[in-house]
C-alpha atoms as a PDB file:
ATOM      1  CA  VAL A   1       0.874   3.837   8.360  1.00  0.00           C
ATOM      2  CA  GLN A   2      -2.308   1.839   7.938  1.00  0.00           C
ATOM      3  CA  VAL A   3      -2.799  -0.428   4.928  1.00  0.00           C
ATOM      4  CA  VAL A   4      -6.566  -0.291   4.543  1.00  0.00           C
ATOM      5  CA  GLU A   5      -7.697  -2.079   1.388  1.00  0.00           C
ATOM      6  CA  ALA A   6      -7.210  -2.571  -2.345  1.00  0.00           C
ATOM      7  CA  ASP A   7      -9.737  -2.444  -5.152  1.00  0.00           C
ATOM      8  CA  GLU A   8     -10.061  -3.425  -8.806  1.00  0.00           C
ATOM      9  CA  LEU A   9      -7.197  -5.900  -8.715  1.00  0.00           C
ATOM     10  CA  SER A  10      -8.737  -7.714 -11.677  1.00  0.00           C
ATOM     11  CA  ASN A  11      -6.836  -5.269 -13.887  1.00  0.00           C
ATOM     12  CA  LEU A  12      -3.583  -6.723 -12.546  1.00  0.00           C
ATOM     13  CA  ALA A  13      -4.554 -10.356 -12.129  1.00  0.00           C
ATOM     14  CA  LEU A  14      -4.215 -13.032 -14.757  1.00  0.00           C
ATOM     15  CA  LEU A  15      -6.517 -15.249 -12.699  1.00  0.00           C
ATOM     16  CA  ASP A  16     -10.041 -14.731 -11.386  1.00  0.00           C
ATOM     17  CA  ARG A  17      -8.856 -14.699  -7.777  1.00  0.00           C
ATOM     18  CA  LEU A  18      -5.737 -13.733  -5.879  1.00  0.00           C
ATOM     19  CA  ASP A  19      -4.328 -14.274  -2.396  1.00  0.00           C
ATOM     20  CA  PRO A  20      -2.942 -10.722  -2.011  1.00  0.00           C
ATOM     21  CA  PHE A  21      -0.711  -9.342   0.704  1.00  0.00           C
ATOM     22  CA  CYS A  22       1.439  -6.221   0.962  1.00  0.00           C
ATOM     23  CA  ARG A  23       5.044  -5.731   1.954  1.00  0.00           C
ATOM     24  CA  LEU A  24       6.066  -2.266   3.153  1.00  0.00           C
ATOM     25  CA  GLU A  25       9.745  -1.395   2.811  1.00  0.00           C
ATOM     26  CA  HIS A  26      11.403   1.622   4.415  1.00  0.00           C
ATOM     27  CA  ILE A  27      14.741   2.366   6.057  1.00  0.00           C
ATOM     28  CA  ALA A  28      12.829   2.223   9.361  1.00  0.00           C
ATOM     29  CA  GLY A  29      11.977  -1.432   8.697  1.00  0.00           C
ATOM     30  CA  THR A  30      10.120  -3.970   6.580  1.00  0.00           C
ATOM     31  CA  PHE A  31       6.552  -4.962   7.404  1.00  0.00           C
ATOM     32  CA  GLN A  32       4.025  -7.347   5.890  1.00  0.00           C
ATOM     33  CA  THR A  33       0.239  -7.610   5.985  1.00  0.00           C
ATOM     34  CA  ARG A  34      -1.608 -10.875   6.362  1.00  0.00           C
ATOM     35  CA  VAL A  35      -2.712 -12.764   3.246  1.00  0.00           C
ATOM     36  CA  CYS A  36      -6.326 -12.198   2.158  1.00  0.00           C
ATOM     37  CA  GLU A  37      -7.304 -15.442   0.490  1.00  0.00           C
ATOM     38  CA  ASP A  38      -9.208 -15.826  -2.777  1.00  0.00           C
ATOM     39  CA  THR A  39     -10.231 -12.189  -3.394  1.00  0.00           C
ATOM     40  CA  LEU A  40      -9.814  -9.274  -5.782  1.00  0.00           C
ATOM     41  CA  THR A  41     -10.927  -6.777  -3.116  1.00  0.00           C
ATOM     42  CA  PRO A  42      -8.714  -7.401  -0.058  1.00  0.00           C
ATOM     43  CA  ALA A  43      -9.254  -5.487   3.184  1.00  0.00           C
ATOM     44  CA  TRP A  44      -6.396  -5.453   5.700  1.00  0.00           C
ATOM     45  CA  GLY A  45      -6.902  -2.529   8.082  1.00  0.00           C
ATOM     46  CA  GLU A  46      -3.422  -3.183   9.522  1.00  0.00           C
ATOM     47  CA  ILE A  47      -1.334  -0.468  11.203  1.00  0.00           C
ATOM     48  CA  PHE A  48       2.468  -0.359  11.090  1.00  0.00           C
ATOM     49  CA  THR A  49       4.611   2.137  12.996  1.00  0.00           C
ATOM     50  CA  LEU A  50       7.631   3.660  11.283  1.00  0.00           C
ATOM     51  CA  GLU A  51       9.868   4.942  14.027  1.00  0.00           C
ATOM     52  CA  GLY A  52      13.047   6.877  13.502  1.00  0.00           C
ATOM     53  CA  LYS A  53      14.537  10.282  13.035  1.00  0.00           C
ATOM     54  CA  ALA A  54      12.780  13.036  11.108  1.00  0.00           C
ATOM     55  CA  ARG A  55      15.249  12.715   8.217  1.00  0.00           C
ATOM     56  CA  MET A  56      13.803   9.253   7.544  1.00  0.00           C
ATOM     57  CA  LEU A  57      10.657  11.002   6.303  1.00  0.00           C
ATOM     58  CA  ASN A  58      12.652  12.104   3.255  1.00  0.00           C
ATOM     59  CA  THR A  59      12.770   8.444   2.184  1.00  0.00           C
ATOM     60  CA  PRO A  60       9.548   7.259   0.556  1.00  0.00           C
ATOM     61  CA  LEU A  61       7.749   4.146   1.720  1.00  0.00           C
ATOM     62  CA  THR A  62       7.670   1.373  -0.892  1.00  0.00           C
ATOM     63  CA  LEU A  63       4.515  -0.710  -0.838  1.00  0.00           C
ATOM     64  CA  LYS A  64       4.619  -3.899  -2.910  1.00  0.00           C
ATOM     65  CA  MET A  65       1.600  -6.110  -3.465  1.00  0.00           C
ATOM     66  CA  PHE A  66       2.072  -9.832  -3.979  1.00  0.00           C
ATOM     67  CA  ASP A  67      -0.064 -12.856  -4.771  1.00  0.00           C
ATOM     68  CA  PHE A  68       0.753 -15.509  -2.163  1.00  0.00           C
ATOM     69  CA  ASP A  69       1.951 -18.812  -3.577  1.00  0.00           C
ATOM     70  CA  SER A  70       3.295 -21.749  -1.578  1.00  0.00           C
ATOM     71  CA  THR A  71       6.444 -21.881  -3.730  1.00  0.00           C
ATOM     72  CA  LEU A  72       6.991 -18.317  -4.999  1.00  0.00           C
ATOM     73  CA  ASP A  73       5.123 -15.103  -4.171  1.00  0.00           C
ATOM     74  CA  ASN A  74       4.400 -13.167  -7.367  1.00  0.00           C
ATOM     75  CA  ILE A  75       4.646  -9.370  -7.270  1.00  0.00           C
ATOM     76  CA  PHE A  76       1.933  -7.694  -9.294  1.00  0.00           C
ATOM     77  CA  GLY A  77       2.129  -4.064  -8.238  1.00  0.00           C
ATOM     78  CA  GLN A  78       3.999  -1.450  -6.246  1.00  0.00           C
ATOM     79  CA  VAL A  79       3.810   2.212  -5.323  1.00  0.00           C
ATOM     80  CA  LEU A  80       6.204   4.726  -3.732  1.00  0.00           C
ATOM     81  CA  VAL A  81       4.473   6.735  -0.998  1.00  0.00           C
ATOM     82  CA  PRO A  82       6.087  10.083  -0.081  1.00  0.00           C
ATOM     83  CA  LEU A  83       6.126  10.630   3.675  1.00  0.00           C
ATOM     84  CA  ASN A  84       7.635  14.121   3.796  1.00  0.00           C
ATOM     85  CA  ASN A  85       4.373  15.869   2.802  1.00  0.00           C
ATOM     86  CA  LEU A  86       2.322  14.676   5.776  1.00  0.00           C
ATOM     87  CA  PRO A  87       0.475  17.494   7.524  1.00  0.00           C
ATOM     88  CA  PRO A  88       1.282  17.637  11.243  1.00  0.00           C
ATOM     89  CA  LYS A  89      -1.030  15.711  13.591  1.00  0.00           C
ATOM     90  CA  LYS A  90      -3.603  14.761  10.948  1.00  0.00           C
ATOM     91  CA  TRP A  91      -4.535  11.486   9.305  1.00  0.00           C
ATOM     92  CA  VAL A  92      -4.135  11.489   5.540  1.00  0.00           C
ATOM     93  CA  ASP A  93      -6.425   9.031   3.803  1.00  0.00           C
ATOM     94  CA  CYS A  94      -5.438   8.415   0.162  1.00  0.00           C
ATOM     95  CA  TRP A  95      -5.873   5.936  -2.650  1.00  0.00           C
ATOM     96  CA  TYR A  96      -2.691   5.152  -4.579  1.00  0.00           C
ATOM     97  CA  ALA A  97      -2.594   3.526  -8.004  1.00  0.00           C
ATOM     98  CA  MET A  98      -0.229   0.593  -8.223  1.00  0.00           C
ATOM     99  CA  GLU A  99       2.589   0.574 -10.735  1.00  0.00           C
ATOM    100  CA  LYS A 100       2.505  -2.608 -12.740  1.00  0.00           C
ATOM    101  CA  PRO A 101       5.696  -4.702 -12.775  1.00  0.00           C
ATOM    102  CA  ARG A 102       6.263  -3.790 -16.418  1.00  0.00           C
ATOM    103  CA  GLY A 103       6.915  -0.210 -15.329  1.00  0.00           C
ATOM    104  CA  VAL A 104       3.644   1.482 -16.254  1.00  0.00           C
ATOM    105  CA  PRO A 105       3.543   4.536 -13.937  1.00  0.00           C
ATOM    106  CA  GLY A 106       0.675   4.954 -11.522  1.00  0.00           C
ATOM    107  CA  GLU A 107      -1.326   7.945 -10.385  1.00  0.00           C
ATOM    108  CA  VAL A 108      -2.385   9.247  -6.998  1.00  0.00           C
ATOM    109  CA  SER A 109      -6.079   9.724  -6.279  1.00  0.00           C
ATOM    110  CA  ARG A 110      -7.476  11.291  -3.114  1.00  0.00           C
ATOM    111  CA  ARG A 111     -10.117   9.259  -1.315  1.00  0.00           C
ATOM    112  CA  GLU A 112     -12.912  11.738  -2.012  1.00  0.00           C
ATOM    113  CA  GLU A 113     -12.422  11.092  -5.714  1.00  0.00           C
ATOM    114  CA  SER A 114     -13.628   7.916  -7.347  1.00  0.00           C
ATOM    115  CA  PRO A 115     -10.794   5.356  -7.152  1.00  0.00           C
ATOM    116  CA  GLY A 116      -9.330   4.180 -10.435  1.00  0.00           C
ATOM    117  CA  PRO A 117      -8.035   0.720 -11.278  1.00  0.00           C
ATOM    118  CA  GLU A 118      -5.384  -1.124  -9.268  1.00  0.00           C
ATOM    119  CA  MET A 119      -5.807   1.023  -6.189  1.00  0.00           C
ATOM    120  CA  VAL A 120      -4.570   0.514  -2.672  1.00  0.00           C
ATOM    121  CA  GLU A 121      -5.734   2.710   0.204  1.00  0.00           C
ATOM    122  CA  LEU A 122      -3.350   3.888   2.899  1.00  0.00           C
ATOM    123  CA  SER A 123      -3.954   6.043   5.941  1.00  0.00           C
ATOM    124  CA  GLU A 124      -0.940   7.851   7.301  1.00  0.00           C
ATOM    125  CA  ALA A 125      -0.434   9.731  10.540  1.00  0.00           C
ATOM    126  CA  PRO A 126       2.579  11.359  12.151  1.00  0.00           C
ATOM    127  CA  LYS A 127       4.289   9.553  15.018  1.00  0.00           C
ATOM    128  CA  GLY A 128       2.211   9.398  18.156  1.00  0.00           C
ATOM    129  CA  LYS A 129      -1.101  10.260  16.481  1.00  0.00           C
ATOM    130  CA  ARG A 130      -3.718   7.543  15.921  1.00  0.00           C
ATOM    131  CA  GLY A 131      -7.361   7.807  15.562  1.00  0.00           C
END
């Protein structure tokens, strides 16, 4: 899974700037991107490998976005990413709308469509396929 970038975070932020980072949670492990300082349009481009048995694909990946703070990191969005619909041996490049902490549901938007607010882009590939 590659965490590519996020856009239009101003719709989630109470401040003019954020120090966003993402935490990916799955039964295969927990991963975290680096912090992008002082931005509403972070770009990570970080790849994380989820290794495990095929049945683990039935468990969605939870991506949570935080604003880094030296005392307490504040969550400001999350999305559940289904892994069981991945086509074999192909990258899937999608924008996902973040769910706000208050429980407002998000929407999924394919990359070829214009991204809506609070979006994070992920690229996903099956095990062993990069490129």
